[in-house]
């Protein structure tokens, strides 16, 4: 027994003492994945966390003075104070020395900061390199455009994009019917082999109650890129058909309606769009905010003067968009506020009113004029551009089985 105890003590004595574990370097909280090492170069990828700064991201490698100088150098290219939470970034360093920082500014552009041999930096803004495939997508309306798009395997954001293109001709709340159809030539982006979202819609068609509406993307000289029909007429008009993309009309235009709160009969020269609180509200046309504020009946409201004849009013908003104020110029399609139920309202909705020469008019019956067509000098170029797209629309494609062109690697403009 004594020998067993002595043997145990001897073995314990001869065993090497447990060494304290080496401290593990802590990566900044902004990193969402572990680093990768390639030929001694460490590559860290992640997403920007809320409250992250260049100091918290690069402070391990750069002095406060270096970061200050980098901030000044980057400001004309992209202010480093505008880093946005959730955006992807990639950081490279070698032997604890900073090499490169790349940050996705948005879906199209990235910021690239490189260290140079003399200790300074280069700062550039470049297009994100995508591999792009053009798909021919088509579907038929059974209940809504959302449902039609998602039922063929696409994402809801494509429905929003299509609704924006045809917003001047089709009210997707009032006008669409079962059996309506759509087709579109859509860029799909891939980055490092992974799906990265939709690119441009090159061409689209929506058949509403048997009437086809076409839209082809084209840049007419120095003008902004826009959409035109097959004849070169702009699909854009003076007013959108509705201030909300998707919703339902809860109360129509009437000069005699029983008010559900005041319990009295009175005129309702407006369209009420029922929608969830927070739904974005768009200005239906270019104009200037002539009134903005709050009243007991209207709640939060904005009035926009479009020209000497037309003005529109948007009532019961939950809140305004940032920087909305009297005298501010707003663009057609710009989000000016969000659906709510402020003022005398039984639930969240937008009360939308339009006036012509001081008198109320039914917005759904306004025939809005088109803006300028494709210029004469670029008309032949336009027709040549859309010829292949029109031909591709005529190729039979089963719904849910989109045809695709061979992908190519491009820098998107």
Protein backbone atom coordinates (compact mmCIF):
# COMPACT_ATOMS: atom_id res chain seq x y z
CA UNK A 1 0.00 0.00 0.00
CA UNK A 2 2.83 2.35 0.96
CA UNK A 3 4.65 1.51 -2.30
CA UNK A 4 1.53 2.42 -4.34
CA UNK A 5 1.26 5.83 -2.65
CA UNK A 6 4.99 6.51 -3.15
CA UNK A 7 4.76 5.55 -6.85
CA UNK A 8 1.80 7.90 -7.38
CA UNK A 9 3.61 10.80 -5.71
CA UNK A 10 6.72 10.14 -7.81
CA UNK A 11 4.78 10.16 -11.09
CA UNK A 12 3.03 13.40 -10.12
CA UNK A 13 6.40 14.96 -9.23
CA UNK A 14 7.97 13.99 -12.55
CA UNK A 15 5.10 15.28 -14.73
CA UNK A 16 5.84 18.70 -16.29
CA UNK A 17 3.98 21.57 -14.70
CA UNK A 18 0.99 22.81 -16.74
CA UNK A 19 2.04 25.93 -18.56
CA UNK A 20 -0.32 28.91 -18.45
CA UNK A 21 -2.17 29.27 -21.76
CA UNK A 22 -0.97 32.08 -23.97
CA UNK A 23 -3.34 35.03 -24.13
CA UNK A 24 -5.59 34.96 -27.20
CA UNK A 25 -5.64 38.16 -29.20
CA UNK A 26 -9.15 39.59 -29.24
CA UNK A 27 -10.47 40.66 -32.62
CA UNK A 28 -12.65 43.75 -32.73
CA UNK A 29 -16.37 43.20 -32.24
CA UNK A 30 -17.01 44.35 -35.81
CA UNK A 31 -15.59 41.09 -37.23
CA UNK A 32 -18.33 38.58 -38.01
CA UNK A 33 -16.06 35.77 -39.27
CA UNK A 34 -12.61 34.43 -38.46
CA UNK A 35 -9.54 35.67 -40.33
CA UNK A 36 -8.06 33.80 -43.29
CA UNK A 37 -4.26 33.63 -43.76
CA UNK A 38 -2.83 33.54 -47.30
CA UNK A 39 0.99 33.66 -47.59
CA UNK A 40 1.22 35.41 -44.21
CA UNK A 41 -1.37 38.00 -45.28
CA UNK A 42 -4.30 37.93 -42.88
CA UNK A 43 -7.72 38.64 -44.45
CA UNK A 44 -10.56 39.56 -42.11
CA UNK A 45 -14.09 39.88 -43.48
CA UNK A 46 -17.21 41.04 -41.72
CA UNK A 47 -20.00 43.59 -41.51
CA UNK A 48 -19.83 47.02 -39.93
CA UNK A 49 -21.39 47.06 -36.47
CA UNK A 50 -23.50 49.94 -35.21
CA UNK A 51 -21.21 52.61 -33.80
CA UNK A 52 -18.08 51.29 -35.51
CA UNK A 53 -15.46 53.84 -36.56
CA UNK A 54 -12.20 53.74 -38.47
CA UNK A 55 -10.43 53.91 -35.12
CA UNK A 56 -12.18 50.78 -33.86
CA UNK A 57 -11.51 49.02 -37.17
CA UNK A 58 -7.93 50.09 -37.87
CA UNK A 59 -6.66 51.30 -34.49
CA UNK A 60 -4.63 48.10 -34.09
CA UNK A 61 -2.46 49.10 -37.04
CA UNK A 62 -2.63 52.87 -37.42
CA UNK A 63 -1.87 55.68 -35.02
CA UNK A 64 -4.49 58.36 -34.22
CA UNK A 65 -2.48 60.77 -36.39
CA UNK A 66 -2.51 58.31 -39.33
CA UNK A 67 -6.28 57.84 -39.00
CA UNK A 68 -6.79 61.61 -38.86
CA UNK A 69 -4.77 62.11 -42.07
CA UNK A 70 -6.56 59.19 -43.74
CA UNK A 71 -9.93 60.71 -42.83
CA UNK A 72 -8.96 64.02 -44.46
CA UNK A 73 -7.67 62.27 -47.58
CA UNK A 74 -10.79 60.10 -47.94
CA UNK A 75 -13.34 62.90 -47.46
CA UNK A 76 -13.55 63.98 -51.14
CA UNK A 77 -13.88 60.34 -52.21
CA UNK A 78 -16.15 59.03 -49.44
CA UNK A 79 -16.35 60.47 -45.89
CA UNK A 80 -15.28 57.79 -43.42
CA UNK A 81 -17.84 59.13 -40.95
CA UNK A 82 -20.53 57.69 -43.22
CA UNK A 83 -19.71 54.04 -42.58
CA UNK A 84 -23.06 52.26 -42.37
CA UNK A 85 -23.94 49.38 -40.05
CA UNK A 86 -24.49 46.10 -41.90
CA UNK A 87 -22.29 46.93 -44.90
CA UNK A 88 -19.62 44.38 -45.79
CA UNK A 89 -15.90 45.08 -45.51
CA UNK A 90 -12.57 43.29 -45.93
CA UNK A 91 -9.38 44.09 -44.02
CA UNK A 92 -5.89 42.85 -44.99
CA UNK A 93 -2.74 43.07 -42.89
CA UNK A 94 0.73 41.50 -43.03
CA UNK A 95 2.92 40.98 -39.95
CA UNK A 96 0.61 43.32 -38.01
CA UNK A 97 1.06 46.02 -40.66
CA UNK A 98 -1.98 47.49 -42.42
CA UNK A 99 -2.26 46.54 -46.12
CA UNK A 100 -5.79 47.27 -47.39
CA UNK A 101 -9.32 48.13 -46.28
CA UNK A 102 -12.23 47.60 -48.71
CA UNK A 103 -15.79 48.69 -47.84
CA UNK A 104 -19.06 48.29 -49.78
CA UNK A 105 -20.54 51.80 -50.00
CA UNK A 106 -23.75 50.50 -51.58
CA UNK A 107 -24.81 47.80 -54.05
CA UNK A 108 -22.81 49.38 -56.86
CA UNK A 109 -19.62 50.95 -55.47
CA UNK A 110 -16.87 50.10 -53.01
CA UNK A 111 -14.22 52.14 -51.20
CA UNK A 112 -10.64 50.80 -51.35
CA UNK A 113 -7.86 52.13 -49.11
CA UNK A 114 -4.34 50.81 -49.74
CA UNK A 115 -1.15 51.43 -47.77
CA UNK A 116 1.79 52.60 -49.88
CA UNK A 117 5.51 51.94 -49.44
CA UNK A 118 6.18 55.48 -48.22
CA UNK A 119 3.65 55.16 -45.37
CA UNK A 120 0.83 57.11 -47.00
CA UNK A 121 -2.44 55.84 -48.51
CA UNK A 122 -4.33 55.64 -51.78
CA UNK A 123 -8.11 56.07 -51.56
CA UNK A 124 -10.37 55.23 -54.51
CA UNK A 125 -14.04 54.56 -55.16
CA UNK A 126 -14.60 51.78 -57.70
CA UNK A 127 -17.54 49.78 -59.11
CA UNK A 128 -18.02 46.42 -57.39
CA UNK A 129 -16.91 43.65 -59.80
CA UNK A 130 -19.94 41.43 -60.38
CA UNK A 131 -20.58 38.50 -62.65
CA UNK A 132 -23.87 39.41 -64.31
CA UNK A 133 -26.44 37.10 -65.88
CA UNK A 134 -29.51 38.37 -67.74
CA UNK A 135 -32.63 36.28 -67.08
CA UNK A 136 -35.96 36.34 -68.92
CA UNK A 137 -38.60 36.17 -66.19
CA UNK A 138 -42.35 35.97 -66.72
CA UNK A 139 -45.46 35.39 -64.64
CA UNK A 140 -49.26 35.71 -64.47
CA UNK A 141 -51.31 37.60 -61.89
CA UNK A 142 -53.53 35.46 -59.68
CA UNK A 143 -53.90 37.87 -56.77
CA UNK A 144 -51.10 40.47 -56.80
CA UNK A 145 -47.82 41.34 -58.47
CA UNK A 146 -46.00 40.32 -55.27
CA UNK A 147 -47.54 36.87 -55.43
CA UNK A 148 -46.90 36.51 -59.16
CA UNK A 149 -43.20 37.37 -58.78
CA UNK A 150 -42.52 35.19 -55.74
CA UNK A 151 -44.49 32.25 -57.21
CA UNK A 152 -41.93 31.98 -60.04
CA UNK A 153 -39.05 31.84 -57.57
CA UNK A 154 -38.04 35.50 -57.56
CA UNK A 155 -37.74 37.93 -54.65
CA UNK A 156 -40.29 40.54 -53.61
CA UNK A 157 -37.90 43.41 -54.39
CA UNK A 158 -38.31 42.60 -58.09
CA UNK A 159 -42.05 43.25 -57.76
CA UNK A 160 -41.30 46.66 -56.25
CA UNK A 161 -38.91 47.50 -59.08
CA UNK A 162 -41.47 46.51 -61.74
CA UNK A 163 -44.18 48.52 -59.98
CA UNK A 164 -41.90 51.57 -60.00
CA UNK A 165 -41.31 51.26 -63.76
CA UNK A 166 -45.03 51.11 -64.60
CA UNK A 167 -46.17 53.44 -61.81
CA UNK A 168 -47.21 56.14 -64.30
CA UNK A 169 -49.57 53.87 -66.29
CA UNK A 170 -50.79 51.23 -63.86
CA UNK A 171 -52.22 51.64 -60.38
CA UNK A 172 -51.27 48.31 -58.80
CA UNK A 173 -54.00 48.85 -56.21
CA UNK A 174 -56.91 49.60 -58.56
CA UNK A 175 -56.03 48.45 -62.06
CA UNK A 176 -54.62 44.92 -62.02
CA UNK A 177 -56.83 41.90 -62.71
CA UNK A 178 -56.48 38.12 -62.52
CA UNK A 179 -54.90 36.98 -65.78
CA UNK A 180 -52.72 40.07 -66.24
CA UNK A 181 -49.13 39.09 -67.00
CA UNK A 182 -45.59 40.40 -66.94
CA UNK A 183 -42.21 39.57 -68.40
CA UNK A 184 -38.84 41.20 -67.86
CA UNK A 185 -35.17 40.95 -68.79
CA UNK A 186 -33.41 41.30 -65.47
CA UNK A 187 -29.74 41.42 -64.52
CA UNK A 188 -28.81 39.03 -61.71
CA UNK A 189 -25.56 39.77 -59.90
CA UNK A 190 -23.12 37.25 -58.49
CA UNK A 191 -20.04 38.02 -56.41
CA UNK A 192 -17.40 35.40 -55.75
CA UNK A 193 -19.91 32.84 -57.00
CA UNK A 194 -22.61 33.93 -54.52
CA UNK A 195 -25.98 35.54 -55.31
CA UNK A 196 -25.69 39.30 -54.74
CA UNK A 197 -29.10 40.61 -55.77
CA UNK A 198 -30.72 42.13 -58.83
CA UNK A 199 -29.07 44.63 -61.14
CA UNK A 200 -30.83 46.66 -63.81
CA UNK A 201 -34.16 45.77 -65.40
CA UNK A 202 -33.25 46.15 -69.07
CA UNK A 203 -36.74 45.67 -70.48
CA UNK A 204 -40.19 44.90 -69.11
CA UNK A 205 -43.73 44.32 -70.30
CA UNK A 206 -46.95 44.32 -68.30
CA UNK A 207 -50.24 43.29 -69.92
CA UNK A 208 -53.11 44.91 -68.03
CA UNK A 209 -56.67 43.97 -69.07
CA UNK A 210 -55.32 42.92 -72.45
CA UNK A 211 -53.38 46.17 -73.05
CA UNK A 212 -49.59 45.77 -73.21
CA UNK A 213 -47.31 48.36 -71.60
CA UNK A 214 -43.62 48.20 -72.55
CA UNK A 215 -40.58 49.80 -70.95
CA UNK A 216 -36.99 49.73 -72.22
CA UNK A 217 -34.04 51.16 -70.31
CA UNK A 218 -32.03 53.72 -72.30
CA UNK A 219 -29.71 56.66 -71.68
CA UNK A 220 -30.52 59.46 -74.10
CA UNK A 221 -27.33 61.50 -74.45
CA UNK A 222 -26.71 63.67 -71.39
CA UNK A 223 -30.15 62.96 -69.92
CA UNK A 224 -30.57 60.64 -66.94
CA UNK A 225 -31.18 56.98 -67.77
CA UNK A 226 -34.91 56.37 -68.11
CA UNK A 227 -37.51 53.99 -69.57
CA UNK A 228 -39.26 54.37 -72.92
CA UNK A 229 -41.90 52.40 -74.80
CA UNK A 230 -41.27 50.65 -78.10
CA UNK A 231 -41.88 53.88 -80.02
CA UNK A 232 -39.42 55.88 -77.93
CA UNK A 233 -42.04 57.69 -75.83
CA UNK A 234 -41.12 58.15 -72.19
CA UNK A 235 -43.08 55.99 -69.75
CA UNK A 236 -42.61 58.74 -67.20
CA UNK A 237 -45.48 61.20 -66.84
CA UNK A 238 -46.20 64.30 -64.80
CA UNK A 239 -47.90 62.31 -62.02
CA UNK A 240 -47.63 58.80 -60.63
CA UNK A 241 -50.87 56.83 -60.63
CA UNK A 242 -50.71 56.41 -56.83
CA UNK A 243 -48.53 57.59 -53.90
CA UNK A 244 -48.20 54.03 -52.52
CA UNK A 245 -46.86 51.04 -54.44
CA UNK A 246 -49.05 48.34 -52.85
CA UNK A 247 -52.07 48.81 -50.63
CA UNK A 248 -55.85 48.82 -50.92
CA UNK A 249 -58.36 51.64 -51.27
CA UNK A 250 -60.49 51.82 -48.15
CA UNK A 251 -62.55 54.82 -49.23
CA UNK A 252 -62.97 56.33 -52.68
CA UNK A 253 -63.50 59.82 -54.04
CA UNK A 254 -67.00 61.04 -53.12
CA UNK A 255 -68.75 64.34 -52.59
CA UNK A 256 -70.96 62.71 -49.93
CA UNK A 257 -69.63 60.19 -47.40
CA UNK A 258 -70.62 59.22 -43.87
CA UNK A 259 -67.60 60.01 -41.68
CA UNK A 260 -66.91 57.07 -39.33
CA UNK A 261 -65.65 59.30 -36.47
CA UNK A 262 -67.75 62.50 -36.65
CA UNK A 263 -70.86 60.47 -37.63
CA UNK A 264 -71.87 63.13 -40.14
CA UNK A 265 -72.35 63.21 -43.92
CA UNK A 266 -69.73 65.31 -45.65
CA UNK A 267 -67.70 65.48 -48.84
CA UNK A 268 -64.67 63.19 -49.16
CA UNK A 269 -62.80 64.57 -52.20
CA UNK A 270 -59.90 62.18 -51.66
CA UNK A 271 -58.68 58.60 -51.99
CA UNK A 272 -57.97 56.68 -48.77
CA UNK A 273 -55.24 54.02 -49.08
CA UNK A 274 -55.22 51.52 -46.21
CA UNK A 275 -51.68 50.32 -45.48
CA UNK A 276 -49.59 49.28 -42.47
CA UNK A 277 -48.10 52.00 -40.30
CA UNK A 278 -44.68 52.96 -41.63
CA UNK A 279 -45.42 52.25 -45.31
CA UNK A 280 -43.44 54.81 -47.40
CA UNK A 281 -45.46 57.58 -49.07
CA UNK A 282 -44.13 59.01 -52.36
CA UNK A 283 -44.66 62.42 -53.90
CA UNK A 284 -46.67 61.79 -57.08
CA UNK A 285 -44.89 64.59 -58.94
CA UNK A 286 -42.06 67.11 -58.79
CA UNK A 287 -42.91 70.12 -56.69
CA UNK A 288 -42.32 72.30 -53.64
CA UNK A 289 -43.69 71.76 -50.14
CA UNK A 290 -46.13 74.63 -49.61
CA UNK A 291 -47.44 73.50 -46.20
CA UNK A 292 -46.30 70.96 -43.60
CA UNK A 293 -47.47 70.41 -40.06
CA UNK A 294 -50.19 68.99 -37.81
CA UNK A 295 -53.89 69.71 -37.32
CA UNK A 296 -56.44 67.94 -35.16
CA UNK A 297 -58.34 66.59 -38.15
CA UNK A 298 -55.56 65.97 -40.66
CA UNK A 299 -52.85 64.80 -38.27
CA UNK A 300 -49.37 65.07 -39.76
CA UNK A 301 -49.75 66.35 -43.33
CA UNK A 302 -47.79 67.68 -46.29
CA UNK A 303 -49.07 69.84 -49.16
CA UNK A 304 -47.03 69.96 -52.39
CA UNK A 305 -47.45 72.61 -55.07
CA UNK A 306 -46.55 71.01 -58.43
CA UNK A 307 -47.15 73.92 -60.80
CA UNK A 308 -49.52 76.85 -61.21
CA UNK A 309 -52.47 74.43 -61.59
CA UNK A 310 -51.93 71.32 -59.47
CA UNK A 311 -51.27 70.60 -55.81
CA UNK A 312 -51.53 67.39 -53.75
CA UNK A 313 -52.07 66.79 -50.02
CA UNK A 314 -51.02 63.75 -47.95
CA UNK A 315 -52.77 63.32 -44.57
CA UNK A 316 -52.56 61.25 -41.34
CA UNK A 317 -48.84 60.44 -41.65
CA UNK A 318 -47.12 58.73 -38.72
CA UNK A 319 -44.05 60.89 -39.38
CA UNK A 320 -42.28 62.90 -42.06
CA UNK A 321 -39.10 61.93 -43.86
CA UNK A 322 -35.96 63.72 -42.71
CA UNK A 323 -35.42 67.32 -43.78
CA UNK A 324 -38.99 67.82 -44.97
CA UNK A 325 -39.88 71.50 -44.47
CA UNK A 326 -41.84 74.29 -46.10
CA UNK A 327 -40.18 75.49 -49.30
CA UNK A 328 -38.21 72.31 -49.89
CA UNK A 329 -38.12 70.99 -53.46
CA UNK A 330 -39.12 67.30 -53.78
CA UNK A 331 -38.80 64.93 -56.72
CA UNK A 332 -41.40 62.63 -58.18
CA UNK A 333 -41.22 59.28 -56.39
CA UNK A 334 -39.30 60.70 -53.42
CA UNK A 335 -40.42 59.35 -50.04
CA UNK A 336 -41.86 62.30 -48.10
CA UNK A 337 -43.33 60.46 -45.11
CA UNK A 338 -44.88 57.29 -43.77
CA UNK A 339 -48.40 55.96 -43.34
CA UNK A 340 -49.97 56.45 -39.92
CA UNK A 341 -53.22 57.23 -38.13
CA UNK A 342 -52.64 60.71 -36.70
CA UNK A 343 -55.56 63.13 -36.53
CA UNK A 344 -59.14 61.89 -37.02
CA UNK A 345 -58.45 58.40 -38.32
CA UNK A 346 -59.91 54.99 -37.45
CA UNK A 347 -56.73 53.16 -38.47
CA UNK A 348 -53.49 53.50 -40.42
CA UNK A 349 -54.08 54.87 -43.90
CA UNK A 350 -53.12 57.68 -46.27
CA UNK A 351 -55.76 60.23 -47.23
CA UNK A 352 -54.56 61.55 -50.61
CA UNK A 353 -56.03 64.65 -52.22
CA UNK A 354 -55.38 66.41 -55.54
CA UNK A 355 -56.51 69.89 -56.55
CA UNK A 356 -56.56 71.56 -59.97
CA UNK A 357 -56.94 75.33 -60.03
CA UNK A 358 -58.19 75.18 -56.43
CA UNK A 359 -60.91 72.58 -57.01
CA UNK A 360 -60.67 68.92 -55.89
CA UNK A 361 -60.26 66.32 -58.64
CA UNK A 362 -60.32 62.52 -58.57
CA UNK A 363 -56.63 61.47 -58.78
CA UNK A 364 -57.52 58.12 -60.38
CA UNK A 365 -59.11 59.88 -63.40
CA UNK A 366 -56.30 62.29 -64.22
CA UNK A 367 -54.75 61.74 -67.67
CA UNK A 368 -51.17 62.74 -67.06
CA UNK A 369 -49.03 63.91 -70.01
CA UNK A 370 -45.73 62.17 -70.83
CA UNK A 371 -42.38 63.86 -70.54
CA UNK A 372 -39.96 64.20 -73.48
CA UNK A 373 -39.45 61.18 -75.79
CA UNK A 374 -36.10 59.86 -77.03
CA UNK A 375 -34.32 62.67 -78.88
CA UNK A 376 -34.17 62.58 -82.65
CA UNK A 377 -30.38 62.31 -82.68
CA UNK A 378 -30.45 59.16 -80.53
CA UNK A 379 -33.59 57.52 -81.90
CA UNK A 380 -31.77 55.09 -84.21
CA UNK A 381 -29.44 54.07 -81.38
CA UNK A 382 -32.47 53.45 -79.16
CA UNK A 383 -34.21 51.28 -81.75
CA UNK A 384 -31.00 49.31 -82.30
CA UNK A 385 -30.58 48.83 -78.53
CA UNK A 386 -34.06 47.43 -77.95
CA UNK A 387 -34.20 45.21 -81.07
CA UNK A 388 -32.58 42.23 -79.34
CA UNK A 389 -34.71 42.71 -76.22
CA UNK A 390 -37.94 42.78 -78.23
CA UNK A 391 -36.85 39.60 -80.05
CA UNK A 392 -36.08 37.87 -76.76
CA UNK A 393 -39.54 38.69 -75.41
CA UNK A 394 -41.01 36.69 -78.30
CA UNK A 395 -39.05 33.53 -77.34
CA UNK A 396 -41.38 31.11 -75.48
CA UNK A 397 -40.40 30.65 -71.83
CA UNK A 398 -42.32 28.68 -69.23
CA UNK A 399 -43.22 30.53 -66.05
CA UNK A 400 -40.80 29.71 -63.27
CA UNK A 401 -38.17 28.51 -65.75
CA UNK A 402 -36.36 31.70 -66.67
CA UNK A 403 -34.08 31.61 -69.68
CA UNK A 404 -30.63 33.02 -69.08
CA UNK A 405 -27.88 34.56 -71.20
CA UNK A 406 -24.29 33.48 -70.65
CA UNK A 407 -22.98 35.34 -67.58
CA UNK A 408 -20.20 37.86 -67.99
CA UNK A 409 -17.97 39.68 -65.52
CA UNK A 410 -18.56 43.42 -65.64
CA UNK A 411 -18.17 46.61 -63.64
CA UNK A 412 -21.67 48.06 -63.42
CA UNK A 413 -22.26 51.73 -64.12
